[in-house]
Protein backbone atom coordinates (compact mmCIF):
# COMPACT_ATOMS: atom_id res chain seq x y z
CA MET A 1 13.38 -15.25 -45.43
CA ASN A 2 15.67 -17.20 -43.02
CA SER A 3 19.42 -16.76 -42.96
CA ARG A 4 20.14 -19.00 -40.25
CA ASP A 5 23.87 -20.45 -39.72
CA LYS A 6 24.73 -23.60 -38.29
CA ARG A 7 27.50 -21.60 -36.56
CA GLN A 8 25.20 -19.17 -34.98
CA GLU A 9 23.46 -20.31 -31.85
CA LYS A 10 20.49 -17.54 -31.54
CA LEU A 11 18.12 -16.84 -33.77
CA VAL A 12 16.44 -13.37 -33.71
CA LEU A 13 12.80 -13.10 -35.39
CA ILE A 14 12.43 -9.87 -36.84
CA VAL A 15 8.94 -9.23 -37.22
CA GLU A 16 8.59 -5.88 -39.56
CA ASP A 17 6.61 -5.17 -42.56
CA GLU A 18 8.70 -2.30 -43.95
CA PRO A 19 11.49 -4.02 -46.22
CA GLN A 20 14.27 -1.42 -45.83
CA LEU A 21 14.13 -1.29 -41.75
CA ALA A 22 13.80 -4.96 -41.52
CA ALA A 23 16.98 -5.59 -43.95
CA LEU A 24 18.97 -2.99 -41.94
CA MET A 25 18.11 -4.73 -38.59
CA ASN A 26 18.92 -7.74 -40.48
CA GLU A 27 22.07 -6.96 -41.40
CA TYR A 28 23.17 -5.49 -38.35
CA LEU A 29 22.14 -8.41 -36.49
CA GLN A 30 24.21 -10.79 -38.79
CA GLN A 31 27.35 -8.48 -38.26
CA ALA A 32 26.66 -9.14 -34.45
CA ALA A 33 26.90 -12.96 -34.94
CA PHE A 34 23.01 -13.51 -34.55
CA ALA A 35 20.88 -15.87 -36.82
CA THR A 36 17.97 -14.05 -38.56
CA GLU A 37 14.47 -14.79 -39.91
CA ILE A 38 12.43 -12.03 -41.30
CA ILE A 39 8.59 -12.06 -41.02
CA ASP A 40 6.43 -9.33 -42.73
CA ASN A 41 2.72 -10.46 -41.99
CA GLY A 42 1.45 -10.83 -38.39
CA LEU A 43 -0.50 -14.05 -39.49
CA GLN A 44 2.46 -15.85 -39.91
CA VAL A 45 4.52 -15.23 -36.46
CA VAL A 46 2.89 -17.75 -33.93
CA SER A 47 3.61 -20.72 -36.39
CA ALA A 48 7.14 -19.44 -36.92
CA VAL A 49 7.42 -18.87 -33.31
CA ARG A 50 6.53 -22.55 -32.69
CA HIS A 51 8.44 -23.83 -35.56
CA SER A 52 11.47 -22.10 -35.34
CA GLU A 53 11.66 -21.32 -31.42
CA PRO A 54 13.71 -18.36 -31.65
CA ALA A 55 15.85 -17.04 -28.79
CA LEU A 56 14.39 -13.41 -29.27
CA ILE A 57 11.30 -11.66 -31.33
CA LEU A 58 11.67 -8.02 -32.50
CA LEU A 59 7.90 -7.50 -32.88
CA ASP A 60 6.77 -4.14 -34.67
CA LEU A 61 3.22 -3.03 -33.29
CA MET A 62 1.68 -2.31 -36.48
CA LEU A 63 1.76 -5.15 -38.83
CA PRO A 64 -0.67 -6.60 -41.62
CA GLY A 65 -2.74 -9.35 -40.84
CA LYS A 66 -2.64 -9.18 -37.29
CA ASP A 67 -1.21 -6.50 -34.79
CA GLY A 68 1.41 -6.56 -32.44
CA MET A 69 -0.34 -6.90 -29.17
CA SER A 70 -2.45 -9.64 -30.34
CA ILE A 71 0.69 -11.52 -31.65
CA CYS A 72 2.70 -10.73 -27.98
CA ARG A 73 -0.59 -12.02 -26.04
CA ASP A 74 -0.88 -15.27 -28.27
CA VAL A 75 3.12 -15.97 -27.95
CA ARG A 76 2.87 -15.65 -24.07
CA SER A 77 0.33 -18.27 -24.04
CA PHE A 78 2.58 -21.18 -24.96
CA SER A 79 6.11 -19.61 -24.56
CA LYS A 80 8.29 -16.99 -22.49
CA VAL A 81 10.56 -16.42 -25.23
CA PRO A 82 12.19 -12.50 -24.72
CA ILE A 83 9.82 -10.03 -26.92
CA ILE A 84 11.12 -6.62 -27.75
CA MET A 85 8.03 -4.34 -29.09
CA VAL A 86 8.60 -1.59 -31.81
CA THR A 87 6.53 1.32 -32.19
CA ALA A 88 6.70 4.49 -34.13
CA ARG A 89 5.30 6.59 -31.15
CA VAL A 90 6.49 6.94 -27.72
CA GLU A 91 3.20 7.83 -26.35
CA GLU A 92 1.87 4.28 -27.44
CA ILE A 93 4.42 2.76 -24.94
CA ASP A 94 2.89 3.96 -21.72
CA ARG A 95 -0.23 2.19 -23.12
CA LEU A 96 1.56 -1.20 -23.80
CA LEU A 97 2.80 -1.12 -20.29
CA GLY A 98 -0.60 -0.47 -18.84
CA LEU A 99 -1.89 -3.45 -20.93
CA GLU A 100 0.85 -5.90 -19.43
CA LEU A 101 1.37 -7.72 -22.26
CA GLY A 102 4.82 -9.61 -21.22
CA ALA A 103 6.90 -8.04 -23.43
CA ASP A 104 10.60 -7.62 -22.12
CA ASP A 105 11.75 -4.24 -23.72
CA TYR A 106 10.27 -1.41 -26.14
CA ILE A 107 12.22 0.36 -28.75
CA CYS A 108 10.87 3.50 -30.59
CA LYS A 109 11.32 4.28 -34.01
CA PRO A 110 13.14 5.73 -35.39
CA PHE A 111 16.10 4.29 -33.79
CA SER A 112 19.84 3.10 -34.63
CA PRO A 113 20.36 -0.24 -35.83
CA ARG A 114 23.21 -0.36 -33.34
CA GLU A 115 20.85 0.52 -30.52
CA VAL A 116 18.72 -2.34 -31.39
CA VAL A 117 21.55 -4.79 -31.21
CA ALA A 118 22.48 -3.53 -28.15
CA ARG A 119 19.06 -3.73 -26.68
CA VAL A 120 18.71 -7.38 -28.15
CA LYS A 121 22.14 -8.50 -26.34
CA THR A 122 20.87 -6.98 -22.97
CA VAL A 123 17.57 -8.53 -23.18
CA LEU A 124 19.16 -11.99 -23.82
CA ARG A 125 21.80 -11.61 -21.17
CA ARG A 126 19.01 -10.87 -18.71
CA SER A 127 17.15 -13.58 -19.73
CA ASP A 128 20.39 -15.87 -19.68
CA ASP A 129 21.15 -14.98 -16.52
CA GLY A 130 17.75 -15.42 -14.95
CA ASN A 131 17.93 -11.97 -13.23
CA ALA A 132 20.40 -12.88 -10.80
CA SER A 133 23.19 -11.19 -12.16
CA PHE A 134 20.81 -8.04 -11.76
CA THR A 135 20.47 -8.21 -8.28
CA LYS A 136 23.56 -9.89 -6.47
CA ASP A 137 24.84 -6.57 -5.56
CA ILE A 138 21.70 -5.29 -4.08
CA GLN A 139 19.87 -6.51 -0.92
CA LEU A 140 16.75 -5.19 0.94
CA ASP A 141 15.60 -5.31 4.27
CA GLU A 142 12.04 -4.79 4.48
CA ALA A 143 11.88 -4.79 8.01
CA THR A 144 14.70 -1.77 8.37
CA TYR A 145 13.76 -0.06 4.92
CA LYS A 146 17.45 -0.64 4.50
CA VAL A 147 19.38 -1.22 1.15
CA ALA A 148 22.90 -2.54 1.02
CA ILE A 149 24.83 -1.98 -2.13
CA ARG A 150 27.54 -4.11 -2.59
CA GLY A 151 27.88 -4.65 1.33
CA GLN A 152 27.36 -0.65 2.05
CA SER A 153 24.29 0.30 3.88
CA LEU A 154 21.94 2.73 2.43
CA GLU A 155 19.38 4.34 4.28
CA LEU A 156 16.25 5.32 2.62
CA THR A 157 12.66 7.03 2.95
CA ALA A 158 9.83 4.96 2.94
CA VAL A 159 8.92 6.04 -0.78
CA GLU A 160 12.74 5.68 -1.58
CA PHE A 161 12.18 2.01 -0.22
CA GLN A 162 9.15 1.27 -2.10
CA LEU A 163 10.43 2.63 -5.44
CA MET A 164 13.67 0.64 -5.06
CA LYS A 165 11.61 -2.64 -4.25
CA ILE A 166 9.25 -2.13 -7.42
CA LEU A 167 11.99 -1.78 -9.51
CA LEU A 168 14.25 -4.53 -8.45
CA SER A 169 11.41 -6.80 -8.54
CA GLU A 170 11.53 -7.18 -12.25
CA PRO A 171 15.05 -5.97 -13.47
CA GLY A 172 15.09 -4.40 -17.15
CA ARG A 173 11.20 -4.02 -16.97
CA ILE A 174 10.07 -0.35 -17.84
CA PHE A 175 7.94 1.09 -15.27
CA SER A 176 5.80 3.76 -16.16
CA ARG A 177 5.33 6.78 -13.58
CA GLY A 178 1.73 5.99 -13.21
CA GLN A 179 2.66 2.39 -12.32
CA LEU A 180 5.48 3.57 -9.94
CA MET A 181 2.99 6.09 -8.51
CA ASP A 182 0.42 3.23 -7.72
CA GLY A 183 2.82 1.25 -6.13
CA ILE A 184 4.03 3.85 -3.53
CA TYR A 185 0.78 5.81 -2.87
CA GLN A 186 -1.54 2.74 -2.04
CA ASP A 187 -4.29 5.17 -1.26
CA HIS A 188 -3.96 6.25 -5.02
CA ARG A 189 -3.46 9.85 -3.93
CA ILE A 190 -3.37 12.21 -7.24
CA VAL A 191 0.17 13.36 -7.70
CA SER A 192 2.45 14.70 -10.55
CA ASP A 193 4.75 12.87 -12.58
CA ARG A 194 7.37 15.03 -11.40
CA THR A 195 6.83 13.79 -7.79
CA VAL A 196 8.15 10.26 -9.26
CA ASP A 197 10.79 12.05 -10.89
CA SER A 198 12.05 13.81 -7.54
CA HIS A 199 12.12 10.72 -5.57
CA ILE A 200 13.89 9.01 -8.47
CA LYS A 201 16.74 11.96 -8.51
CA LYS A 202 17.14 11.94 -4.43
CA LEU A 203 17.38 8.09 -4.81
CA ARG A 204 19.69 8.09 -7.55
CA LYS A 205 21.90 10.41 -5.57
CA LYS A 206 22.12 8.14 -2.51
CA ILE A 207 23.12 5.45 -4.59
CA VAL A 208 25.72 7.18 -6.61
CA SER A 209 27.22 8.39 -2.87
CA LEU A 210 28.06 4.32 -2.53
CA ASP A 211 28.70 3.44 -6.01
CA PRO A 212 29.71 6.04 -8.19
CA GLU A 213 31.10 3.67 -10.70
CA ARG A 214 27.65 2.41 -11.68
CA GLU A 215 24.03 3.20 -12.89
CA TYR A 216 21.23 1.17 -11.81
CA ILE A 217 18.12 3.20 -12.13
CA HIS A 218 17.77 4.29 -16.13
CA SER A 219 15.44 6.61 -17.39
CA VAL A 220 13.51 5.43 -20.54
CA TYR A 221 12.83 8.88 -22.29
CA GLY A 222 8.90 9.63 -22.37
CA VAL A 223 8.30 6.56 -20.86
CA GLY A 224 9.59 5.68 -17.15
CA TYR A 225 12.33 3.94 -15.54
CA LYS A 226 13.73 0.63 -15.27
CA TYR A 227 16.53 -0.98 -12.95
CA GLU A 228 19.69 -2.55 -14.73
CA ASN A 229 23.10 -2.94 -12.98
CA CYS A 230 25.22 -1.75 -15.88
């Protein structure tokens, strides 16, 4: 199904085999001035991406013909098009993150169609800006373990600095707690998820003391954390 309009600039490929859900996302995305194309079989996705060159793909994990993980790998072999993976299970996201498929974001069902539109806009804006707008307000000095936020110096512990460095390395990417722990503890010591949460809490408190108007580190429920300047 192709509902592309010449006046619309960005095409979102909706890969979803639940007709009602696909229709709902289609309706809201069109209302937000996106062109849309719906595909309900995994075997058709790669050829559609090559032919239509979408601006973004909403890719369900469980599909007939070919699963979302395999599709994501195949698309990444020839395209950098932003991909938002959609799954019905929160616990599935941690496994997807570990596989490093190259997806740009993840959404868990059930979700509101407004949330989908907001995520699509955020990922597209991040892609268009080439990450520059997300890091222009923050500078890291690895020699002194200091961070400057909008020109104001922020002193961090070594662990807090490493956390900030990891999150800033890929703005918008969701890092699981396990990935963050591996990054800040090179000796692979065994620590609990609460340890990361505690470090993040302290880091946020320091950042808020300098810039209370913005939220830089965002929690993704049941998954981990990501950096976005908004």
